[in-house]
Amino acid sequence: MLGNKKNVFWEALLLTCVVFILGLLAGTFIESSHLQNVNDYYAQAEVSLIDSLALSNSLNSGASCSDMINSSVTFADKIYKQAETLEQYESSGKITNSMRIAHAKYDLLRTILWQNLMTLQKKCPNQFNYVIYLYEYNPSDLNQKATEQVWSKILSNLKQEEGNKVILVPIAVNSGLSSLDAIVNQLNITKFPAVVINGNQTIYNLQSTNDLKKYLN
């Protein structure tokens, strides 16, 4: 009788170990698959960014403002949708170092886009609107996390309402990017989340889309 109990115990322990290992392998496989998808998306976005920058460099040699603006809108919309996919992957499991690096790579692309938009605005003033959403990636403070979720929803609603009239660029400020830190310091932004509209208006209190619309061209 005692021997049977021991056998049951060891069988249960063995089964538990097998299930645990299989679960661990499955989780690793799924994350690797997600990461591969993210890297593929990033490669596509990188090509689009280089194409957009090439068009921007040709602005002085004949490219129109409308062409350049349309290119920026297309690129911004592409990486915005890809960022939503990345967030879904992150929310479905543990945020690993690989996912953090992938997120930082996207933040770098968006920072370069922000720089390009500032240059484009000088060449084509008052012809488009861009909204930069600065937030902290995976904050530990629950209140801040809740605030960021509310802001993200409001900004998403703004994009849905305004469509191509607004270029929306969300960027995590704690990605360790020197180029991003330089812009943020230049604009004297020390509190997050924050929204920068057309480079000349910074908002720290956001309740609705109307708080943003009054600053749009």
N, C-alpha and C. Protein backbone atom coordinates (compact mmCIF):
# COMPACT_ATOMS: atom_id res chain seq x y z
N MET A 1 0.84 -1.21 0.00
CA MET A 1 0.00 0.00 0.00
C MET A 1 0.87 1.25 0.00
N LEU A 2 1.90 1.20 0.88
CA LEU A 2 2.82 2.33 0.96
C LEU A 2 3.58 2.49 -0.35
N GLY A 3 3.96 1.34 -0.95
CA GLY A 3 4.68 1.40 -2.21
C GLY A 3 3.83 2.00 -3.32
N ASN A 4 2.55 1.70 -3.32
CA ASN A 4 1.66 2.27 -4.34
C ASN A 4 1.56 3.77 -4.21
N LYS A 5 1.52 4.24 -2.95
CA LYS A 5 1.44 5.69 -2.72
C LYS A 5 2.70 6.39 -3.23
N LYS A 6 3.86 5.73 -2.99
CA LYS A 6 5.11 6.32 -3.47
C LYS A 6 5.15 6.37 -4.99
N ASN A 7 4.66 5.30 -5.61
CA ASN A 7 4.63 5.27 -7.07
C ASN A 7 3.74 6.38 -7.63
N VAL A 8 2.59 6.56 -7.01
CA VAL A 8 1.67 7.63 -7.44
C VAL A 8 2.33 8.99 -7.29
N PHE A 9 3.05 9.17 -6.16
CA PHE A 9 3.74 10.45 -5.92
C PHE A 9 4.76 10.73 -6.99
N TRP A 10 5.61 9.72 -7.29
CA TRP A 10 6.66 9.93 -8.29
C TRP A 10 6.08 10.10 -9.69
N GLU A 11 5.01 9.40 -9.98
CA GLU A 11 4.37 9.56 -11.29
C GLU A 11 3.79 10.96 -11.43
N ALA A 12 3.17 11.46 -10.34
CA ALA A 12 2.61 12.81 -10.37
C ALA A 12 3.71 13.85 -10.50
N LEU A 13 4.81 13.63 -9.80
CA LEU A 13 5.94 14.56 -9.87
C LEU A 13 6.53 14.58 -11.27
N LEU A 14 6.67 13.38 -11.85
CA LEU A 14 7.22 13.28 -13.21
C LEU A 14 6.30 13.96 -14.22
N LEU A 15 5.01 13.73 -14.07
CA LEU A 15 4.04 14.36 -14.97
C LEU A 15 4.08 15.88 -14.85
N THR A 16 4.19 16.36 -13.60
CA THR A 16 4.27 17.82 -13.37
C THR A 16 5.51 18.41 -14.05
N CYS A 17 6.64 17.72 -13.93
CA CYS A 17 7.89 18.19 -14.55
C CYS A 17 7.77 18.22 -16.06
N VAL A 18 7.16 17.17 -16.61
CA VAL A 18 6.99 17.10 -18.07
C VAL A 18 6.11 18.24 -18.56
N VAL A 19 4.99 18.47 -17.87
CA VAL A 19 4.08 19.56 -18.25
C VAL A 19 4.77 20.91 -18.14
N PHE A 20 5.56 21.09 -17.07
CA PHE A 20 6.27 22.35 -16.87
C PHE A 20 7.28 22.59 -18.00
N ILE A 21 8.04 21.56 -18.34
CA ILE A 21 9.05 21.69 -19.39
C ILE A 21 8.39 21.97 -20.74
N LEU A 22 7.32 21.23 -21.03
CA LEU A 22 6.60 21.44 -22.29
C LEU A 22 6.03 22.86 -22.37
N GLY A 23 5.50 23.34 -21.24
CA GLY A 23 4.97 24.70 -21.20
C GLY A 23 6.06 25.74 -21.42
N LEU A 24 7.22 25.48 -20.82
CA LEU A 24 8.35 26.39 -20.97
C LEU A 24 8.82 26.43 -22.41
N LEU A 25 8.91 25.25 -23.03
CA LEU A 25 9.34 25.18 -24.43
C LEU A 25 8.33 25.84 -25.35
N ALA A 26 7.04 25.63 -25.05
CA ALA A 26 5.99 26.24 -25.87
C ALA A 26 6.04 27.76 -25.76
N GLY A 27 6.24 28.25 -24.52
CA GLY A 27 6.33 29.70 -24.32
C GLY A 27 7.52 30.29 -25.05
N THR A 28 8.66 29.59 -24.99
CA THR A 28 9.85 30.06 -25.70
C THR A 28 9.65 30.08 -27.20
N PHE A 29 8.97 29.05 -27.71
CA PHE A 29 8.70 28.98 -29.15
C PHE A 29 7.78 30.11 -29.59
N ILE A 30 6.73 30.34 -28.81
CA ILE A 30 5.78 31.41 -29.16
C ILE A 30 6.46 32.77 -29.14
N GLU A 31 7.27 33.01 -28.11
CA GLU A 31 7.97 34.30 -28.03
C GLU A 31 8.94 34.46 -29.18
N SER A 32 9.65 33.38 -29.53
CA SER A 32 10.59 33.45 -30.65
C SER A 32 9.84 33.76 -31.95
N SER A 33 8.65 33.16 -32.09
CA SER A 33 7.84 33.41 -33.28
C SER A 33 7.39 34.86 -33.32
N HIS A 34 6.94 35.38 -32.16
CA HIS A 34 6.53 36.78 -32.08
C HIS A 34 7.69 37.71 -32.41
N LEU A 35 8.85 37.39 -31.84
CA LEU A 35 10.02 38.24 -32.05
C LEU A 35 10.43 38.24 -33.51
N GLN A 36 10.33 37.10 -34.17
CA GLN A 36 10.65 37.03 -35.59
C GLN A 36 9.70 37.90 -36.40
N ASN A 37 8.41 37.86 -36.04
CA ASN A 37 7.44 38.71 -36.73
C ASN A 37 7.77 40.19 -36.52
N VAL A 38 8.12 40.55 -35.28
CA VAL A 38 8.46 41.94 -34.98
C VAL A 38 9.68 42.38 -35.79
N ASN A 39 10.69 41.51 -35.86
CA ASN A 39 11.90 41.85 -36.63
C ASN A 39 11.58 42.02 -38.11
N ASP A 40 10.67 41.19 -38.62
CA ASP A 40 10.26 41.32 -40.03
C ASP A 40 9.55 42.65 -40.25
N TYR A 41 8.65 42.99 -39.31
CA TYR A 41 7.95 44.28 -39.42
C TYR A 41 8.94 45.44 -39.36
N TYR A 42 9.91 45.31 -38.47
CA TYR A 42 10.91 46.38 -38.31
C TYR A 42 11.70 46.57 -39.59
N ALA A 43 12.09 45.48 -40.24
CA ALA A 43 12.84 45.57 -41.49
C ALA A 43 12.03 46.31 -42.56
N GLN A 44 10.73 46.01 -42.62
CA GLN A 44 9.86 46.70 -43.57
C GLN A 44 9.76 48.19 -43.24
N ALA A 45 9.60 48.49 -41.94
CA ALA A 45 9.49 49.88 -41.51
C ALA A 45 10.78 50.64 -41.78
N GLU A 46 11.91 49.97 -41.61
CA GLU A 46 13.20 50.60 -41.84
C GLU A 46 13.35 51.00 -43.31
N VAL A 47 12.91 50.14 -44.21
CA VAL A 47 12.94 50.46 -45.64
C VAL A 47 12.05 51.66 -45.93
N SER A 48 10.86 51.67 -45.33
CA SER A 48 9.93 52.79 -45.54
C SER A 48 10.51 54.10 -45.03
N LEU A 49 11.20 54.04 -43.89
CA LEU A 49 11.80 55.24 -43.33
C LEU A 49 12.91 55.78 -44.24
N ILE A 50 13.77 54.91 -44.71
CA ILE A 50 14.85 55.33 -45.60
C ILE A 50 14.27 55.94 -46.87
N ASP A 51 13.19 55.34 -47.37
CA ASP A 51 12.53 55.88 -48.56
C ASP A 51 11.98 57.27 -48.29
N SER A 52 11.38 57.44 -47.09
CA SER A 52 10.82 58.73 -46.72
C SER A 52 11.92 59.78 -46.57
N LEU A 53 13.04 59.40 -45.97
CA LEU A 53 14.16 60.32 -45.79
C LEU A 53 14.76 60.70 -47.14
N ALA A 54 14.83 59.73 -48.05
CA ALA A 54 15.35 60.02 -49.39
C ALA A 54 14.46 61.03 -50.10
N LEU A 55 13.16 60.89 -49.94
CA LEU A 55 12.23 61.84 -50.53
C LEU A 55 12.38 63.21 -49.89
N SER A 56 12.61 63.23 -48.59
CA SER A 56 12.80 64.49 -47.89
C SER A 56 14.05 65.20 -48.39
N ASN A 57 15.11 64.45 -48.64
CA ASN A 57 16.35 65.05 -49.12
C ASN A 57 16.22 65.62 -50.53
N SER A 58 15.23 65.09 -51.25
CA SER A 58 15.03 65.59 -52.62
C SER A 58 14.02 66.73 -52.68
N LEU A 59 13.54 67.18 -51.51
CA LEU A 59 12.54 68.25 -51.47
C LEU A 59 13.05 69.52 -52.12
N ASN A 60 14.31 69.84 -51.88
CA ASN A 60 14.89 71.05 -52.46
C ASN A 60 15.10 70.94 -53.96
N SER A 61 15.06 69.73 -54.47
CA SER A 61 15.32 69.55 -55.90
C SER A 61 14.06 69.23 -56.68
N GLY A 62 12.89 69.53 -56.12
CA GLY A 62 11.67 69.41 -56.90
C GLY A 62 10.54 68.64 -56.26
N ALA A 63 10.78 67.84 -55.23
CA ALA A 63 9.69 67.11 -54.59
C ALA A 63 8.74 68.09 -53.90
N SER A 64 7.45 67.83 -54.02
CA SER A 64 6.45 68.74 -53.47
C SER A 64 6.20 68.46 -51.99
N CYS A 65 5.65 69.47 -51.31
CA CYS A 65 5.30 69.30 -49.90
C CYS A 65 4.25 68.20 -49.74
N SER A 66 3.30 68.14 -50.67
CA SER A 66 2.23 67.14 -50.56
C SER A 66 2.80 65.73 -50.65
N ASP A 67 3.79 65.53 -51.55
CA ASP A 67 4.41 64.21 -51.67
C ASP A 67 5.12 63.84 -50.38
N MET A 68 5.84 64.80 -49.82
CA MET A 68 6.60 64.53 -48.61
C MET A 68 5.68 64.28 -47.43
N ILE A 69 4.61 65.04 -47.31
CA ILE A 69 3.66 64.87 -46.22
C ILE A 69 2.97 63.52 -46.34
N ASN A 70 2.54 63.16 -47.54
CA ASN A 70 1.88 61.87 -47.75
C ASN A 70 2.81 60.71 -47.40
N SER A 71 4.09 60.87 -47.73
CA SER A 71 5.06 59.83 -47.40
C SER A 71 5.20 59.69 -45.89
N SER A 72 5.25 60.81 -45.18
CA SER A 72 5.37 60.78 -43.73
C SER A 72 4.13 60.17 -43.08
N VAL A 73 2.95 60.51 -43.61
CA VAL A 73 1.70 59.96 -43.09
C VAL A 73 1.67 58.44 -43.27
N THR A 74 2.06 57.99 -44.45
CA THR A 74 2.06 56.55 -44.73
C THR A 74 3.01 55.80 -43.81
N PHE A 75 4.20 56.35 -43.64
CA PHE A 75 5.19 55.70 -42.78
C PHE A 75 4.74 55.69 -41.33
N ALA A 76 4.23 56.84 -40.85
CA ALA A 76 3.78 56.93 -39.46
C ALA A 76 2.64 55.96 -39.17
N ASP A 77 1.70 55.86 -40.12
CA ASP A 77 0.57 54.95 -39.93
C ASP A 77 1.05 53.50 -39.91
N LYS A 78 2.04 53.18 -40.72
CA LYS A 78 2.54 51.81 -40.78
C LYS A 78 3.17 51.40 -39.45
N ILE A 79 4.05 52.24 -38.92
CA ILE A 79 4.72 51.85 -37.67
C ILE A 79 3.77 51.97 -36.47
N TYR A 80 2.72 52.82 -36.60
CA TYR A 80 1.73 52.89 -35.53
C TYR A 80 0.96 51.58 -35.43
N LYS A 81 0.56 51.03 -36.57
CA LYS A 81 -0.16 49.76 -36.57
C LYS A 81 0.75 48.63 -36.11
N GLN A 82 2.02 48.67 -36.53
CA GLN A 82 2.96 47.65 -36.11
C GLN A 82 3.21 47.73 -34.60
N ALA A 83 3.20 48.95 -34.07
CA ALA A 83 3.39 49.13 -32.63
C ALA A 83 2.23 48.51 -31.85
N GLU A 84 1.02 48.60 -32.42
CA GLU A 84 -0.13 47.97 -31.78
C GLU A 84 0.04 46.45 -31.72
N THR A 85 0.59 45.88 -32.79
CA THR A 85 0.86 44.45 -32.81
C THR A 85 1.91 44.08 -31.76
N LEU A 86 2.94 44.92 -31.66
CA LEU A 86 3.98 44.69 -30.66
C LEU A 86 3.41 44.72 -29.25
N GLU A 87 2.50 45.64 -28.99
CA GLU A 87 1.88 45.74 -27.68
C GLU A 87 1.04 44.50 -27.37
N GLN A 88 0.38 43.96 -28.39
CA GLN A 88 -0.40 42.74 -28.20
C GLN A 88 0.51 41.57 -27.83
N TYR A 89 1.65 41.48 -28.50
CA TYR A 89 2.61 40.42 -28.17
C TYR A 89 3.11 40.58 -26.73
N GLU A 90 3.40 41.82 -26.35
CA GLU A 90 3.92 42.07 -25.01
C GLU A 90 2.88 41.77 -23.93
N SER A 91 1.63 42.11 -24.21
CA SER A 91 0.57 41.90 -23.22
C SER A 91 0.21 40.42 -23.08
N SER A 92 0.58 39.60 -24.07
CA SER A 92 0.23 38.18 -24.03
C SER A 92 1.24 37.35 -23.26
N GLY A 93 2.33 37.96 -22.83
CA GLY A 93 3.34 37.21 -22.09
C GLY A 93 4.30 38.13 -21.38
N LYS A 94 5.34 37.54 -20.82
CA LYS A 94 6.34 38.28 -20.07
C LYS A 94 7.18 39.14 -21.01
N ILE A 95 7.46 40.38 -20.60
CA ILE A 95 8.29 41.27 -21.41
C ILE A 95 9.76 40.91 -21.18
N THR A 96 10.39 40.34 -22.18
CA THR A 96 11.77 39.90 -22.07
C THR A 96 12.70 40.99 -22.60
N ASN A 97 13.99 40.75 -22.41
CA ASN A 97 14.98 41.72 -22.89
C ASN A 97 14.94 41.86 -24.40
N SER A 98 14.64 40.75 -25.09
CA SER A 98 14.55 40.79 -26.56
C SER A 98 13.41 41.69 -27.01
N MET A 99 12.28 41.62 -26.30
CA MET A 99 11.15 42.47 -26.64
C MET A 99 11.46 43.93 -26.33
N ARG A 100 12.20 44.17 -25.26
CA ARG A 100 12.59 45.55 -24.92
C ARG A 100 13.47 46.14 -26.03
N ILE A 101 14.39 45.33 -26.53
CA ILE A 101 15.28 45.79 -27.60
C ILE A 101 14.47 46.07 -28.87
N ALA A 102 13.53 45.18 -29.17
CA ALA A 102 12.68 45.39 -30.35
C ALA A 102 11.88 46.68 -30.21
N HIS A 103 11.37 46.93 -29.00
CA HIS A 103 10.61 48.16 -28.75
C HIS A 103 11.50 49.39 -28.92
N ALA A 104 12.73 49.30 -28.42
CA ALA A 104 13.67 50.42 -28.53
C ALA A 104 14.01 50.72 -29.99
N LYS A 105 14.10 49.67 -30.81
CA LYS A 105 14.39 49.85 -32.23
C LYS A 105 13.26 50.64 -32.90
N TYR A 106 12.03 50.32 -32.53
CA TYR A 106 10.90 51.07 -33.07
C TYR A 106 10.90 52.51 -32.56
N ASP A 107 11.26 52.70 -31.30
CA ASP A 107 11.34 54.06 -30.76
C ASP A 107 12.39 54.88 -31.50
N LEU A 108 13.47 54.24 -31.92
CA LEU A 108 14.50 54.93 -32.69
C LEU A 108 13.94 55.37 -34.05
N LEU A 109 13.20 54.48 -34.71
CA LEU A 109 12.59 54.85 -35.99
C LEU A 109 11.64 56.03 -35.82
N ARG A 110 10.86 55.99 -34.74
CA ARG A 110 9.90 57.07 -34.51
C ARG A 110 10.60 58.38 -34.15
N THR A 111 11.74 58.28 -33.47
CA THR A 111 12.50 59.49 -33.16
C THR A 111 13.05 60.12 -34.43
N ILE A 112 13.55 59.30 -35.33
CA ILE A 112 14.04 59.82 -36.62
C ILE A 112 12.90 60.45 -37.40
N LEU A 113 11.72 59.82 -37.34
CA LEU A 113 10.55 60.40 -37.99
C LEU A 113 10.22 61.76 -37.38
N TRP A 114 10.29 61.87 -36.05
CA TRP A 114 10.03 63.16 -35.39
C TRP A 114 11.01 64.22 -35.88
N GLN A 115 12.27 63.89 -35.95
CA GLN A 115 13.27 64.83 -36.47
C GLN A 115 12.93 65.26 -37.89
N ASN A 116 12.51 64.30 -38.69
CA ASN A 116 12.17 64.60 -40.08
C ASN A 116 10.94 65.50 -40.16
N LEU A 117 9.98 65.28 -39.27
CA LEU A 117 8.77 66.11 -39.26
C LEU A 117 9.09 67.55 -38.86
N MET A 118 10.01 67.73 -37.94
CA MET A 118 10.41 69.09 -37.54
C MET A 118 11.05 69.82 -38.71
N THR A 119 11.87 69.11 -39.49
CA THR A 119 12.49 69.71 -40.67
C THR A 119 11.45 70.01 -41.73
N LEU A 120 10.54 69.07 -41.92
CA LEU A 120 9.50 69.24 -42.93
C LEU A 120 8.58 70.40 -42.59
N GLN A 121 8.31 70.59 -41.31
CA GLN A 121 7.42 71.68 -40.90
C GLN A 121 8.01 73.05 -41.24
N LYS A 122 9.34 73.15 -41.16
CA LYS A 122 9.99 74.41 -41.52
C LYS A 122 9.90 74.68 -43.02
N LYS A 123 9.98 73.62 -43.81
CA LYS A 123 9.92 73.77 -45.26
C LYS A 123 8.49 73.90 -45.77
N CYS A 124 7.55 73.29 -45.05
CA CYS A 124 6.14 73.31 -45.46
C CYS A 124 5.27 73.73 -44.27
N PRO A 125 5.38 74.98 -43.83
CA PRO A 125 4.68 75.42 -42.61
C PRO A 125 3.16 75.40 -42.75
N ASN A 126 2.49 75.00 -41.65
CA ASN A 126 1.03 75.05 -41.54
C ASN A 126 0.30 74.19 -42.57
N GLN A 127 0.96 73.17 -43.07
CA GLN A 127 0.32 72.31 -44.08
C GLN A 127 -0.04 70.93 -43.54
N PHE A 128 0.38 70.64 -42.32
CA PHE A 128 0.05 69.35 -41.71
C PHE A 128 0.18 69.47 -40.20
N ASN A 129 -0.35 68.48 -39.51
CA ASN A 129 -0.26 68.43 -38.04
C ASN A 129 0.43 67.14 -37.62
N TYR A 130 1.30 67.26 -36.63
CA TYR A 130 1.87 66.05 -36.05
C TYR A 130 1.79 66.12 -34.53
N VAL A 131 1.48 64.96 -33.95
CA VAL A 131 1.30 64.83 -32.51
C VAL A 131 2.26 63.77 -32.00
N ILE A 132 3.15 64.16 -31.11
CA ILE A 132 4.12 63.25 -30.51
C ILE A 132 3.66 62.89 -29.10
N TYR A 133 3.45 61.61 -28.86
CA TYR A 133 3.03 61.14 -27.54
C TYR A 133 4.23 60.53 -26.83
N LEU A 134 4.69 61.18 -25.77
CA LEU A 134 5.84 60.72 -25.00
C LEU A 134 5.36 60.04 -23.72
N TYR A 135 5.75 58.79 -23.55
CA TYR A 135 5.31 58.02 -22.40
C TYR A 135 6.47 57.16 -21.89
N GLU A 136 6.27 56.55 -20.75
CA GLU A 136 7.28 55.65 -20.19
C GLU A 136 6.89 54.20 -20.47
N TYR A 137 7.84 53.45 -20.97
CA TYR A 137 7.60 52.06 -21.33
C TYR A 137 7.55 51.18 -20.08
N ASN A 138 6.46 50.43 -19.95
CA ASN A 138 6.27 49.48 -18.84
C ASN A 138 6.55 50.11 -17.48
N PRO A 139 5.83 51.17 -17.10
CA PRO A 139 6.09 51.83 -15.81
C PRO A 139 5.68 50.93 -14.64
N SER A 140 6.40 51.07 -13.53
CA SER A 140 6.08 50.28 -12.34
C SER A 140 4.95 50.89 -11.53
N ASP A 141 4.76 52.22 -11.68
CA ASP A 141 3.70 52.91 -10.95
C ASP A 141 2.35 52.62 -11.60
N LEU A 142 1.42 52.07 -10.82
CA LEU A 142 0.12 51.68 -11.37
C LEU A 142 -0.71 52.88 -11.80
N ASN A 143 -0.60 53.99 -11.07
CA ASN A 143 -1.34 55.19 -11.44
C ASN A 143 -0.87 55.73 -12.79
N GLN A 144 0.45 55.73 -12.99
CA GLN A 144 0.97 56.20 -14.26
C GLN A 144 0.57 55.26 -15.39
N LYS A 145 0.58 53.98 -15.12
CA LYS A 145 0.18 53.01 -16.14
C LYS A 145 -1.28 53.23 -16.54
N ALA A 146 -2.13 53.50 -15.57
CA ALA A 146 -3.54 53.76 -15.86
C ALA A 146 -3.70 55.05 -16.66
N THR A 147 -2.92 56.08 -16.28
CA THR A 147 -2.97 57.35 -17.01
C THR A 147 -2.56 57.17 -18.45
N GLU A 148 -1.51 56.41 -18.68
CA GLU A 148 -1.04 56.17 -20.04
C GLU A 148 -2.07 55.42 -20.87
N GLN A 149 -2.79 54.51 -20.25
CA GLN A 149 -3.83 53.78 -20.98
C GLN A 149 -4.95 54.72 -21.42
N VAL A 150 -5.30 55.65 -20.53
CA VAL A 150 -6.34 56.63 -20.87
C VAL A 150 -5.86 57.54 -22.00
N TRP A 151 -4.64 58.03 -21.90
CA TRP A 151 -4.09 58.90 -22.92
C TRP A 151 -4.00 58.19 -24.27
N SER A 152 -3.59 56.95 -24.25
CA SER A 152 -3.47 56.18 -25.50
C SER A 152 -4.83 56.06 -26.18
N LYS A 153 -5.87 55.85 -25.39
CA LYS A 153 -7.21 55.75 -25.94
C LYS A 153 -7.65 57.08 -26.55
N ILE A 154 -7.38 58.18 -25.85
CA ILE A 154 -7.76 59.50 -26.35
C ILE A 154 -7.03 59.80 -27.66
N LEU A 155 -5.74 59.50 -27.71
CA LEU A 155 -4.96 59.75 -28.92
C LEU A 155 -5.40 58.85 -30.07
N SER A 156 -5.76 57.63 -29.75
CA SER A 156 -6.28 56.73 -30.77
C SER A 156 -7.59 57.26 -31.34
N ASN A 157 -8.44 57.81 -30.48
CA ASN A 157 -9.69 58.41 -30.94
C ASN A 157 -9.42 59.62 -31.83
N LEU A 158 -8.41 60.42 -31.46
CA LEU A 158 -8.05 61.58 -32.27
C LEU A 158 -7.63 61.14 -33.67
N LYS A 159 -6.83 60.10 -33.74
CA LYS A 159 -6.36 59.60 -35.04
C LYS A 159 -7.53 59.08 -35.87
N GLN A 160 -8.47 58.41 -35.23
CA GLN A 160 -9.63 57.90 -35.94
C GLN A 160 -10.50 59.04 -36.46
N GLU A 161 -10.63 60.09 -35.67
CA GLU A 161 -11.48 61.22 -36.07
C GLU A 161 -10.82 62.08 -37.15
N GLU A 162 -9.52 62.29 -37.06
CA GLU A 162 -8.83 63.20 -37.97
C GLU A 162 -8.19 62.49 -39.16
N GLY A 163 -7.95 61.20 -39.04
CA GLY A 163 -7.37 60.45 -40.15
C GLY A 163 -6.01 60.99 -40.57
N ASN A 164 -5.82 61.17 -41.87
CA ASN A 164 -4.54 61.62 -42.41
C ASN A 164 -4.24 63.09 -42.12
N LYS A 165 -5.18 63.78 -41.49
CA LYS A 165 -4.93 65.17 -41.12
C LYS A 165 -3.93 65.27 -39.97
N VAL A 166 -3.74 64.17 -39.27
CA VAL A 166 -2.84 64.16 -38.11
C VAL A 166 -1.87 62.99 -38.23
N ILE A 167 -0.58 63.29 -38.02
CA ILE A 167 0.44 62.25 -37.94
C ILE A 167 0.70 61.99 -36.47
N LEU A 168 0.34 60.81 -36.01
CA LEU A 168 0.47 60.45 -34.60
C LEU A 168 1.70 59.55 -34.40
N VAL A 169 2.60 59.98 -33.50
CA VAL A 169 3.85 59.25 -33.27
C VAL A 169 4.04 59.02 -31.77
N PRO A 170 3.74 57.82 -31.26
CA PRO A 170 4.02 57.51 -29.85
C PRO A 170 5.46 57.05 -29.67
N ILE A 171 6.14 57.56 -28.64
CA ILE A 171 7.54 57.21 -28.40
C ILE A 171 7.75 57.01 -26.90
N ALA A 172 8.39 55.90 -26.55
CA ALA A 172 8.75 55.65 -25.14
C ALA A 172 10.03 56.42 -24.81
N VAL A 173 9.99 57.24 -23.77
CA VAL A 173 11.12 58.12 -23.45
C VAL A 173 12.22 57.42 -22.67
N ASN A 174 11.94 56.22 -22.16
CA ASN A 174 12.94 55.51 -21.35
C ASN A 174 13.57 54.35 -22.13
N SER A 175 13.81 54.59 -23.42
CA SER A 175 14.43 53.56 -24.26
C SER A 175 15.94 53.71 -24.33
N GLY A 176 16.49 54.73 -23.66
CA GLY A 176 17.94 54.91 -23.65
C GLY A 176 18.49 55.46 -24.95
N LEU A 177 17.72 56.29 -25.66
CA LEU A 177 18.14 56.84 -26.94
C LEU A 177 18.67 58.27 -26.75
N SER A 178 19.91 58.49 -27.08
CA SER A 178 20.52 59.82 -26.92
C SER A 178 19.86 60.85 -27.82
N SER A 179 19.51 60.45 -29.03
CA SER A 179 18.88 61.37 -29.97
C SER A 179 17.53 61.84 -29.45
N LEU A 180 16.77 60.93 -28.83
CA LEU A 180 15.47 61.29 -28.26
C LEU A 180 15.65 62.18 -27.04
N ASP A 181 16.61 61.83 -26.18
CA ASP A 181 16.87 62.65 -24.99
C ASP A 181 17.23 64.08 -25.37
N ALA A 182 17.97 64.24 -26.45
CA ALA A 182 18.38 65.58 -26.88
C ALA A 182 17.18 66.44 -27.26
N ILE A 183 16.23 65.85 -27.98
CA ILE A 183 15.03 66.60 -28.37
C ILE A 183 14.19 66.94 -27.16
N VAL A 184 14.00 65.96 -26.27
CA VAL A 184 13.20 66.18 -25.07
C VAL A 184 13.81 67.27 -24.20
N ASN A 185 15.11 67.26 -24.05
CA ASN A 185 15.80 68.28 -23.25
C ASN A 185 15.69 69.65 -23.92
N GLN A 186 15.78 69.66 -25.23
CA GLN A 186 15.68 70.92 -25.97
C GLN A 186 14.32 71.57 -25.76
N LEU A 187 13.28 70.74 -25.65
CA LEU A 187 11.92 71.25 -25.44
C LEU A 187 11.58 71.42 -23.96
N ASN A 188 12.56 71.13 -23.08
CA ASN A 188 12.39 71.28 -21.63
C ASN A 188 11.21 70.46 -21.09
N ILE A 189 11.09 69.23 -21.57
CA ILE A 189 10.04 68.34 -21.11
C ILE A 189 10.62 67.43 -20.03
N THR A 190 10.08 67.53 -18.84
CA THR A 190 10.61 66.74 -17.71
C THR A 190 9.55 65.85 -17.07
N LYS A 191 8.30 65.96 -17.52
CA LYS A 191 7.21 65.19 -16.93
C LYS A 191 6.53 64.35 -18.00
N PHE A 192 6.20 63.12 -17.62
CA PHE A 192 5.57 62.21 -18.58
C PHE A 192 4.40 61.48 -17.91
N PRO A 193 3.36 61.19 -18.71
CA PRO A 193 3.26 61.37 -20.15
C PRO A 193 3.10 62.83 -20.54
N ALA A 194 3.43 63.10 -21.81
CA ALA A 194 3.30 64.44 -22.37
C ALA A 194 2.99 64.31 -23.85
N VAL A 195 2.32 65.32 -24.37
CA VAL A 195 2.00 65.35 -25.81
C VAL A 195 2.55 66.65 -26.39
N VAL A 196 3.30 66.53 -27.48
CA VAL A 196 3.85 67.68 -28.18
C VAL A 196 3.13 67.82 -29.52
N ILE A 197 2.54 68.99 -29.75
CA ILE A 197 1.77 69.22 -30.96
C ILE A 197 2.51 70.22 -31.85
N ASN A 198 2.86 69.77 -33.04
CA ASN A 198 3.52 70.61 -34.05
C ASN A 198 4.79 71.28 -33.54
N GLY A 199 5.39 70.70 -32.51
CA GLY A 199 6.67 71.19 -32.02
C GLY A 199 6.61 72.45 -31.19
N ASN A 200 5.43 73.03 -31.02
CA ASN A 200 5.36 74.31 -30.30
C ASN A 200 4.36 74.33 -29.15
N GLN A 201 3.74 73.18 -28.87
CA GLN A 201 2.77 73.14 -27.78
C GLN A 201 2.91 71.80 -27.05
N THR A 202 3.17 71.89 -25.74
CA THR A 202 3.31 70.68 -24.93
C THR A 202 2.17 70.60 -23.93
N ILE A 203 1.51 69.44 -23.88
CA ILE A 203 0.35 69.24 -23.02
C ILE A 203 0.67 68.19 -21.96
N TYR A 204 0.39 68.52 -20.71
CA TYR A 204 0.63 67.59 -19.61
C TYR A 204 -0.66 67.11 -18.96
N ASN A 205 -1.77 67.72 -19.34
CA ASN A 205 -3.07 67.34 -18.78
C ASN A 205 -4.03 67.07 -19.94
N LEU A 206 -4.42 65.82 -20.09
CA LEU A 206 -5.24 65.43 -21.23
C LEU A 206 -6.50 64.74 -20.76
N GLN A 207 -7.65 65.31 -21.13
CA GLN A 207 -8.94 64.77 -20.73
C GLN A 207 -9.77 64.27 -21.90
N SER A 208 -9.60 64.91 -23.07
CA SER A 208 -10.41 64.53 -24.23
C SER A 208 -9.69 64.96 -25.51
N THR A 209 -10.22 64.55 -26.64
CA THR A 209 -9.63 64.93 -27.93
C THR A 209 -9.73 66.43 -28.16
N ASN A 210 -10.72 67.08 -27.56
CA ASN A 210 -10.87 68.53 -27.72
C ASN A 210 -9.69 69.30 -27.14
N ASP A 211 -9.03 68.69 -26.13
CA ASP A 211 -7.84 69.33 -25.55
C ASP A 211 -6.73 69.42 -26.59
N LEU A 212 -6.76 68.56 -27.59
CA LEU A 212 -5.74 68.52 -28.63
C LEU A 212 -6.16 69.29 -29.88
N LYS A 213 -7.42 69.18 -30.23
CA LYS A 213 -7.89 69.73 -31.48
C LYS A 213 -7.72 71.25 -31.57
N LYS A 214 -7.82 71.92 -30.44
CA LYS A 214 -7.73 73.39 -30.47
C LYS A 214 -6.33 73.88 -30.84
N TYR A 215 -5.34 72.99 -30.82
CA TYR A 215 -3.99 73.39 -31.18
C TYR A 215 -3.60 72.97 -32.60
N LEU A 216 -4.51 72.28 -33.29
CA LEU A 216 -4.21 71.81 -34.63
C LEU A 216 -4.38 72.93 -35.66
N ASN A 217 -3.57 72.83 -36.73
CA ASN A 217 -3.68 73.81 -37.80
C ASN A 217 -5.00 73.63 -38.54
